[in-house]
């Protein structure tokens, strides 16, 4: 099975012999791929909608993995129980606020997991803040690029992590800053912040001065990071 680049990067973050839950699994490609490659032996794939559940069941049957990959219908982590002995949870392709809510809804089970692999489509700032303010530490971050789309993948574990300066909730702090993907990512962030400066300056007014200085300081942080990229 061939994965998209986004799912390939996520798959590379799953430890060998992990017991995986793929929440919002859609077609079930990730768990089936990981079993096929003998990285894991067992997984649960779940989705809140019947259509994606049916798609996942079809994929599992196609690859004859009914004994290794169980497909469940339901919302978030409430499809799981402690008896499943899940040690790795993937939640990919949802908004950061929704991911945060799913972790909050099943807090005890979420905190029993060894590794969370999270790929928010939106509100990444809010997800990072939720994690670092709710007893998680962010241990690794990865970039996946598909065409014009840049995906951020966050790996978190239970533990008291440091709180970050505000800009890092947007640009992350656990990326491999020497990777080609990161260079593309951080350059796009710099463009975004410079565009914000242009908009603030075009409006003018004393009320914008504090915000303008903050954004310019964020730009200095990003430019310092870029200056150390080989």
Protein backbone atom coordinates (compact mmCIF):
# COMPACT_ATOMS: atom_id res chain seq x y z
CA UNK A 1 0.00 0.00 0.00
CA UNK A 2 1.23 3.49 -0.91
CA UNK A 3 0.45 6.29 1.54
CA UNK A 4 0.23 10.01 0.94
CA UNK A 5 3.24 11.97 2.19
CA UNK A 6 1.20 13.22 5.17
CA UNK A 7 0.27 9.70 6.29
CA UNK A 8 3.78 8.45 5.52
CA UNK A 9 5.29 10.97 7.94
CA UNK A 10 2.71 10.00 10.58
CA UNK A 11 3.44 6.29 10.02
CA UNK A 12 7.16 6.89 10.58
CA UNK A 13 6.35 8.27 14.04
CA UNK A 14 4.62 5.06 15.19
CA UNK A 15 6.90 2.87 17.30
CA UNK A 16 7.47 -0.75 16.37
CA UNK A 17 5.00 -3.10 18.12
CA UNK A 18 2.81 -0.21 19.24
CA UNK A 19 -0.87 -0.90 19.89
CA UNK A 20 -2.49 1.79 17.77
CA UNK A 21 -5.79 3.61 17.75
CA UNK A 22 -6.39 5.69 14.62
CA UNK A 23 -9.19 8.13 15.44
CA UNK A 24 -10.99 9.50 12.40
CA UNK A 25 -9.37 6.77 10.33
CA UNK A 26 -11.50 7.31 7.21
CA UNK A 27 -10.38 4.54 4.82
CA UNK A 28 -8.21 2.82 7.43
CA UNK A 29 -5.10 3.17 5.30
CA UNK A 30 -2.72 4.03 8.15
CA UNK A 31 -3.34 0.99 10.42
CA UNK A 32 -3.49 -1.39 7.45
CA UNK A 33 -0.20 -0.03 6.10
CA UNK A 34 1.50 -0.37 9.50
CA UNK A 35 0.36 -3.98 9.90
CA UNK A 36 1.31 -4.79 6.30
CA UNK A 37 4.83 -3.44 6.93
CA UNK A 38 5.00 -5.47 10.18
CA UNK A 39 5.58 -2.31 12.22
CA UNK A 40 2.57 -3.11 14.43
CA UNK A 41 0.54 -6.24 15.07
CA UNK A 42 -2.79 -4.81 16.17
CA UNK A 43 -4.83 -1.64 15.72
CA UNK A 44 -8.24 -0.09 16.17
CA UNK A 45 -9.58 2.24 13.49
CA UNK A 46 -12.57 4.40 14.33
CA UNK A 47 -14.70 7.13 12.83
CA UNK A 48 -17.78 9.05 13.92
CA UNK A 49 -19.55 8.53 10.56
CA UNK A 50 -20.82 5.30 9.04
CA UNK A 51 -19.45 6.05 5.55
CA UNK A 52 -15.79 6.21 6.59
CA UNK A 53 -16.32 3.17 8.85
CA UNK A 54 -17.62 1.22 5.84
CA UNK A 55 -14.62 2.41 3.81
CA UNK A 56 -12.23 1.23 6.53
CA UNK A 57 -13.97 -2.14 6.77
CA UNK A 58 -13.57 -2.55 2.98
CA UNK A 59 -9.85 -1.75 3.19
CA UNK A 60 -9.35 -4.19 6.07
CA UNK A 61 -11.16 -6.93 4.15
CA UNK A 62 -9.25 -6.19 0.96
CA UNK A 63 -5.95 -6.76 2.80
CA UNK A 64 -7.34 -9.69 4.82
CA UNK A 65 -6.56 -8.05 8.15
CA UNK A 66 -9.82 -8.68 10.01
CA UNK A 67 -7.87 -10.27 12.88
CA UNK A 68 -5.37 -7.41 13.19
CA UNK A 69 -7.41 -4.24 12.55
CA UNK A 70 -10.74 -3.72 14.30
CA UNK A 71 -13.02 -0.99 12.96
CA UNK A 72 -15.36 0.83 15.34
CA UNK A 73 -18.08 3.45 14.92
CA UNK A 74 -18.08 6.32 17.40
CA UNK A 75 -16.75 9.72 18.39
CA UNK A 76 -13.15 10.23 19.39
CA UNK A 77 -11.57 8.24 22.18
CA UNK A 78 -14.90 7.06 23.58
CA UNK A 79 -14.66 4.17 21.12
CA UNK A 80 -11.78 2.89 23.27
CA UNK A 81 -11.47 1.39 26.73
CA UNK A 82 -8.58 0.72 29.08
CA UNK A 83 -8.95 -2.99 28.23
CA UNK A 84 -7.78 -2.22 24.68
CA UNK A 85 -4.32 -1.44 26.09
CA UNK A 86 -3.74 1.24 23.46
CA UNK A 87 -0.34 2.92 23.79
CA UNK A 88 -0.39 5.14 20.69
CA UNK A 89 -3.22 7.35 19.45
CA UNK A 90 -3.27 9.08 16.08
CA UNK A 91 -5.76 11.89 15.49
CA UNK A 92 -5.12 13.40 12.08
CA UNK A 93 -7.00 15.61 9.67
CA UNK A 94 -9.21 17.44 12.19
CA UNK A 95 -9.17 20.97 13.57
CA UNK A 96 -6.92 21.62 16.54
CA UNK A 97 -9.83 22.70 18.73
CA UNK A 98 -11.69 19.48 17.98
CA UNK A 99 -8.60 17.39 18.74
CA UNK A 100 -8.24 19.22 22.06
CA UNK A 101 -11.89 18.55 22.86
CA UNK A 102 -11.59 14.85 22.05
CA UNK A 103 -8.62 14.56 24.42
CA UNK A 104 -10.50 16.52 27.09
CA UNK A 105 -13.66 14.38 26.74
CA UNK A 106 -11.72 11.20 27.57
CA UNK A 107 -8.99 12.71 29.71
CA UNK A 108 -8.18 9.62 31.80
CA UNK A 109 -7.85 7.36 28.77
CA UNK A 110 -5.88 9.97 26.82
CA UNK A 111 -3.41 10.34 29.67
CA UNK A 112 -2.94 6.55 29.87
CA UNK A 113 -1.49 6.54 26.35
CA UNK A 114 2.27 6.57 25.81
CA UNK A 115 2.25 8.66 22.63
CA UNK A 116 -0.18 11.04 20.91
CA UNK A 117 0.44 11.76 17.22
CA UNK A 118 -1.70 14.74 16.24
CA UNK A 119 -2.09 16.41 12.87
CA UNK A 120 -4.32 19.48 13.11
CA UNK A 121 -5.68 21.06 9.94
CA UNK A 122 -6.49 24.36 11.67
CA UNK A 123 -6.06 26.09 15.07
CA UNK A 124 -2.60 24.63 15.67
CA UNK A 125 -1.84 27.43 18.14
CA UNK A 126 -4.80 26.43 20.29
CA UNK A 127 -3.84 22.74 20.20
CA UNK A 128 -0.27 23.42 21.33
CA UNK A 129 -1.57 25.65 24.13
CA UNK A 130 -4.05 22.99 25.22
CA UNK A 131 -1.34 20.32 25.38
CA UNK A 132 1.19 22.40 27.31
CA UNK A 133 -1.44 23.68 29.74
CA UNK A 134 -2.96 20.26 30.41
CA UNK A 135 -0.13 18.04 31.52
CA UNK A 136 1.44 17.11 28.19
CA UNK A 137 4.85 17.84 26.76
CA UNK A 138 5.50 18.22 23.03
CA UNK A 139 8.47 15.98 22.26
CA UNK A 140 8.67 16.15 18.48
CA UNK A 141 7.17 17.98 15.52
CA UNK A 142 7.30 17.11 11.83
CA UNK A 143 6.39 18.76 8.55
CA UNK A 144 4.73 16.97 5.61
CA UNK A 145 4.35 18.76 2.28
CA UNK A 146 1.91 17.68 -0.42
CA UNK A 147 1.90 20.07 -3.35
CA UNK A 148 1.02 23.50 -1.96
CA UNK A 149 -0.20 22.12 1.37
CA UNK A 150 2.03 22.15 4.46
CA UNK A 151 0.96 19.87 7.33
CA UNK A 152 2.23 20.13 10.90
CA UNK A 153 2.41 16.93 12.95
CA UNK A 154 2.76 17.13 16.73
CA UNK A 155 3.95 14.29 18.97
CA UNK A 156 2.97 14.66 22.62
CA UNK A 157 3.42 12.62 25.78
CA UNK A 158 2.17 12.99 29.33
CA UNK A 159 4.57 15.16 31.31
CA UNK A 160 4.95 18.67 32.57
CA UNK A 161 6.29 20.57 29.61
CA UNK A 162 7.60 24.11 29.60
CA UNK A 163 5.27 26.90 28.54
CA UNK A 164 6.48 28.59 25.37
CA UNK A 165 6.85 32.20 24.29
CA UNK A 166 3.74 33.14 22.30
CA UNK A 167 5.25 32.98 18.80
CA UNK A 168 6.33 29.34 19.27
CA UNK A 169 2.73 28.21 19.65
CA UNK A 170 2.42 29.17 15.99
CA UNK A 171 5.82 28.17 14.58
CA UNK A 172 6.50 25.20 16.87
CA UNK A 173 9.64 24.44 18.85
CA UNK A 174 10.41 20.75 18.30
CA UNK A 175 11.01 20.61 14.54
CA UNK A 176 14.20 19.46 12.86
CA UNK A 177 15.21 22.95 11.78
CA UNK A 178 17.74 21.62 9.26
CA UNK A 179 15.22 19.69 7.16
CA UNK A 180 14.23 20.87 3.69
CA UNK A 181 10.56 20.76 4.69
CA UNK A 182 11.18 23.00 7.69
CA UNK A 183 12.94 25.58 5.53
CA UNK A 184 9.81 25.80 3.36
CA UNK A 185 7.54 25.93 6.42
CA UNK A 186 9.41 28.65 8.30
CA UNK A 187 9.79 30.77 5.14
CA UNK A 188 6.01 30.70 4.71
CA UNK A 189 5.58 31.73 8.35
CA UNK A 190 7.91 34.68 7.80
CA UNK A 191 5.84 35.79 4.79
CA UNK A 192 2.70 35.57 6.91
CA UNK A 193 4.10 37.75 9.67
CA UNK A 194 5.45 40.32 7.20
CA UNK A 195 2.01 40.52 5.60
CA UNK A 196 0.53 41.18 9.04
CA UNK A 197 3.00 44.05 9.53
CA UNK A 198 2.01 45.55 6.16
CA UNK A 199 -1.68 45.43 7.07
CA UNK A 200 -1.13 47.00 10.50
CA UNK A 201 1.05 49.77 9.05
CA UNK A 202 -1.51 50.55 6.34
CA UNK A 203 -4.18 51.10 9.00
CA UNK A 204 -1.98 53.25 11.22
CA UNK A 205 -3.16 54.72 14.52
CA UNK A 206 -1.73 54.64 18.03
CA UNK A 207 -3.79 51.59 19.01
CA UNK A 208 -1.83 49.46 16.53
CA UNK A 209 1.62 50.34 17.87
CA UNK A 210 1.75 47.66 20.56
CA UNK A 211 0.54 44.95 18.20
CA UNK A 212 2.97 46.10 15.52
CA UNK A 213 5.93 45.92 17.90
CA UNK A 214 4.91 42.41 18.99
CA UNK A 215 4.69 41.16 15.40
CA UNK A 216 8.03 42.76 14.54
CA UNK A 217 9.57 41.00 17.53
CA UNK A 218 8.09 37.70 16.29
CA UNK A 219 9.69 38.38 12.90
CA UNK A 220 13.06 38.87 14.60
CA UNK A 221 12.65 35.46 16.29
CA UNK A 222 11.83 33.79 12.95
CA UNK A 223 14.69 35.54 11.13
CA UNK A 224 17.09 34.38 13.84
CA UNK A 225 15.91 30.78 13.32
CA UNK A 226 16.32 31.12 9.54
CA UNK A 227 19.83 32.51 9.96
CA UNK A 228 20.91 29.20 11.52
CA UNK A 229 19.54 27.02 8.70
CA UNK A 230 22.37 25.59 6.60
